[in-house]
Amino acid sequence: MTDETPGPAAKVHAYEQTVLEYEKLDKQIDQLLSSRGGRPENLSDQEFAHYRELADLRDLAYNRMKTLERGLLDEP
């Protein structure tokens, strides 16, 4: 039976990819808000739904990023 635990390089790569995804989503949110004066209350209902969707995905990416970060810091 082989050990399926990813090595340090794979963990770093996963972390880097998650950081890039987080930054991409954050930029999309910033662009959407700035197109309407920087305030979510200026968004149409459809834009607000998209904003919330992006924010939820960004939150998931953040949580994954922090989980991966803890895994890297706990490496022996």
C-alpha atoms as a PDB file:
ATOM      1  CA  MET A   1       0.000   0.000   0.000  1.00  0.00           C
ATOM      2  CA  THR A   2       1.395   3.414  -0.972  1.00  0.00           C
ATOM      3  CA  ASP A   3       1.264   6.551   1.113  1.00  0.00           C
ATOM      4  CA  GLU A   4      -1.085   9.070  -0.592  1.00  0.00           C
ATOM      5  CA  THR A   5      -0.029  12.005   1.602  1.00  0.00           C
ATOM      6  CA  PRO A   6       1.150  14.888  -0.589  1.00  0.00           C
ATOM      7  CA  GLY A   7       4.733  16.006  -0.109  1.00  0.00           C
ATOM      8  CA  PRO A   8       5.800  19.510   0.896  1.00  0.00           C
ATOM      9  CA  ALA A   9       6.177  20.687  -2.727  1.00  0.00           C
ATOM     10  CA  ALA A  10       2.633  19.566  -3.577  1.00  0.00           C
ATOM     11  CA  LYS A  11       1.292  21.284  -0.467  1.00  0.00           C
ATOM     12  CA  VAL A  12       3.061  24.535  -1.353  1.00  0.00           C
ATOM     13  CA  HIS A  13       1.715  24.334  -4.900  1.00  0.00           C
ATOM     14  CA  ALA A  14      -1.851  23.788  -3.631  1.00  0.00           C
ATOM     15  CA  TYR A  15      -1.427  26.753  -1.280  1.00  0.00           C
ATOM     16  CA  GLU A  16      -0.115  28.984  -4.077  1.00  0.00           C
ATOM     17  CA  GLN A  17      -3.002  28.013  -6.360  1.00  0.00           C
ATOM     18  CA  THR A  18      -5.501  28.770  -3.604  1.00  0.00           C
ATOM     19  CA  VAL A  19      -3.917  32.182  -2.971  1.00  0.00           C
ATOM     20  CA  LEU A  20      -4.192  32.966  -6.698  1.00  0.00           C
ATOM     21  CA  GLU A  21      -7.856  31.917  -6.719  1.00  0.00           C
ATOM     22  CA  TYR A  22      -8.553  34.070  -3.646  1.00  0.00           C
ATOM     23  CA  GLU A  23      -6.851  37.087  -5.237  1.00  0.00           C
ATOM     24  CA  LYS A  24      -8.741  36.578  -8.511  1.00  0.00           C
ATOM     25  CA  LEU A  25     -12.095  36.502  -6.717  1.00  0.00           C
ATOM     26  CA  ASP A  26     -11.155  39.519  -4.596  1.00  0.00           C
ATOM     27  CA  LYS A  27     -10.250  41.479  -7.729  1.00  0.00           C
ATOM     28  CA  GLN A  28     -13.560  40.545  -9.371  1.00  0.00           C
ATOM     29  CA  ILE A  29     -15.432  41.766  -6.303  1.00  0.00           C
ATOM     30  CA  ASP A  30     -13.447  45.017  -6.276  1.00  0.00           C
ATOM     31  CA  GLN A  31     -14.162  45.600  -9.963  1.00  0.00           C
ATOM     32  CA  LEU A  32     -17.873  44.913  -9.528  1.00  0.00           C
ATOM     33  CA  LEU A  33     -18.136  47.270  -6.560  1.00  0.00           C
ATOM     34  CA  SER A  34     -16.037  50.008  -8.137  1.00  0.00           C
ATOM     35  CA  SER A  35     -18.298  49.960 -11.206  1.00  0.00           C
ATOM     36  CA  ARG A  36     -21.116  51.088  -8.883  1.00  0.00           C
ATOM     37  CA  GLY A  37     -19.360  53.617  -6.704  1.00  0.00           C
ATOM     38  CA  GLY A  38     -17.777  51.097  -4.349  1.00  0.00           C
ATOM     39  CA  ARG A  39     -20.961  50.349  -2.425  1.00  0.00           C
ATOM     40  CA  PRO A  40     -22.942  47.095  -2.516  1.00  0.00           C
ATOM     41  CA  GLU A  41     -26.206  48.969  -2.002  1.00  0.00           C
ATOM     42  CA  ASN A  42     -25.694  50.566  -5.446  1.00  0.00           C
ATOM     43  CA  LEU A  43     -25.782  47.157  -7.162  1.00  0.00           C
ATOM     44  CA  SER A  44     -28.834  45.897  -9.023  1.00  0.00           C
ATOM     45  CA  ASP A  45     -30.509  42.786  -7.618  1.00  0.00           C
ATOM     46  CA  GLN A  46     -28.762  40.628 -10.217  1.00  0.00           C
ATOM     47  CA  GLU A  47     -25.395  42.272  -9.549  1.00  0.00           C
ATOM     48  CA  PHE A  48     -25.874  41.871  -5.810  1.00  0.00           C
ATOM     49  CA  ALA A  49     -26.621  38.148  -6.224  1.00  0.00           C
ATOM     50  CA  HIS A  50     -23.414  37.819  -8.286  1.00  0.00           C
ATOM     51  CA  TYR A  51     -21.514  39.809  -5.652  1.00  0.00           C
ATOM     52  CA  ARG A  52     -22.709  37.451  -2.895  1.00  0.00           C
ATOM     53  CA  GLU A  53     -21.786  34.426  -5.014  1.00  0.00           C
ATOM     54  CA  LEU A  54     -18.275  35.785  -5.541  1.00  0.00           C
ATOM     55  CA  ALA A  55     -17.959  36.663  -1.850  1.00  0.00           C
ATOM     56  CA  ASP A  56     -19.017  33.142  -0.827  1.00  0.00           C
ATOM     57  CA  LEU A  57     -16.450  31.620  -3.200  1.00  0.00           C
ATOM     58  CA  ARG A  58     -13.799  34.000  -1.867  1.00  0.00           C
ATOM     59  CA  ASP A  59     -14.650  32.961   1.705  1.00  0.00           C
ATOM     60  CA  LEU A  60     -14.266  29.292   0.754  1.00  0.00           C
ATOM     61  CA  ALA A  61     -10.912  30.027  -0.891  1.00  0.00           C
ATOM     62  CA  TYR A  62      -9.792  31.922   2.227  1.00  0.00           C
ATOM     63  CA  ASN A  63     -10.762  29.034   4.499  1.00  0.00           C
ATOM     64  CA  ARG A  64      -8.936  26.554   2.250  1.00  0.00           C
ATOM     65  CA  MET A  65      -5.909  28.856   2.157  1.00  0.00           C
ATOM     66  CA  LYS A  66      -5.786  29.004   5.964  1.00  0.00           C
ATOM     67  CA  THR A  67      -6.213  25.221   6.256  1.00  0.00           C
ATOM     68  CA  LEU A  68      -3.351  24.630   3.821  1.00  0.00           C
ATOM     69  CA  GLU A  69      -1.249  27.236   5.625  1.00  0.00           C
ATOM     70  CA  ARG A  70      -1.733  25.444   8.946  1.00  0.00           C
ATOM     71  CA  GLY A  71      -0.769  22.172   7.280  1.00  0.00           C
ATOM     72  CA  LEU A  72       2.445  23.726   5.990  1.00  0.00           C
ATOM     73  CA  LEU A  73       3.321  25.267   9.343  1.00  0.00           C
ATOM     74  CA  ASP A  74       2.692  21.983  11.136  1.00  0.00           C
ATOM     75  CA  GLU A  75       5.137  20.121   8.862  1.00  0.00           C
ATOM     76  CA  PRO A  76       7.942  18.499  10.865  1.00  0.00           C
END
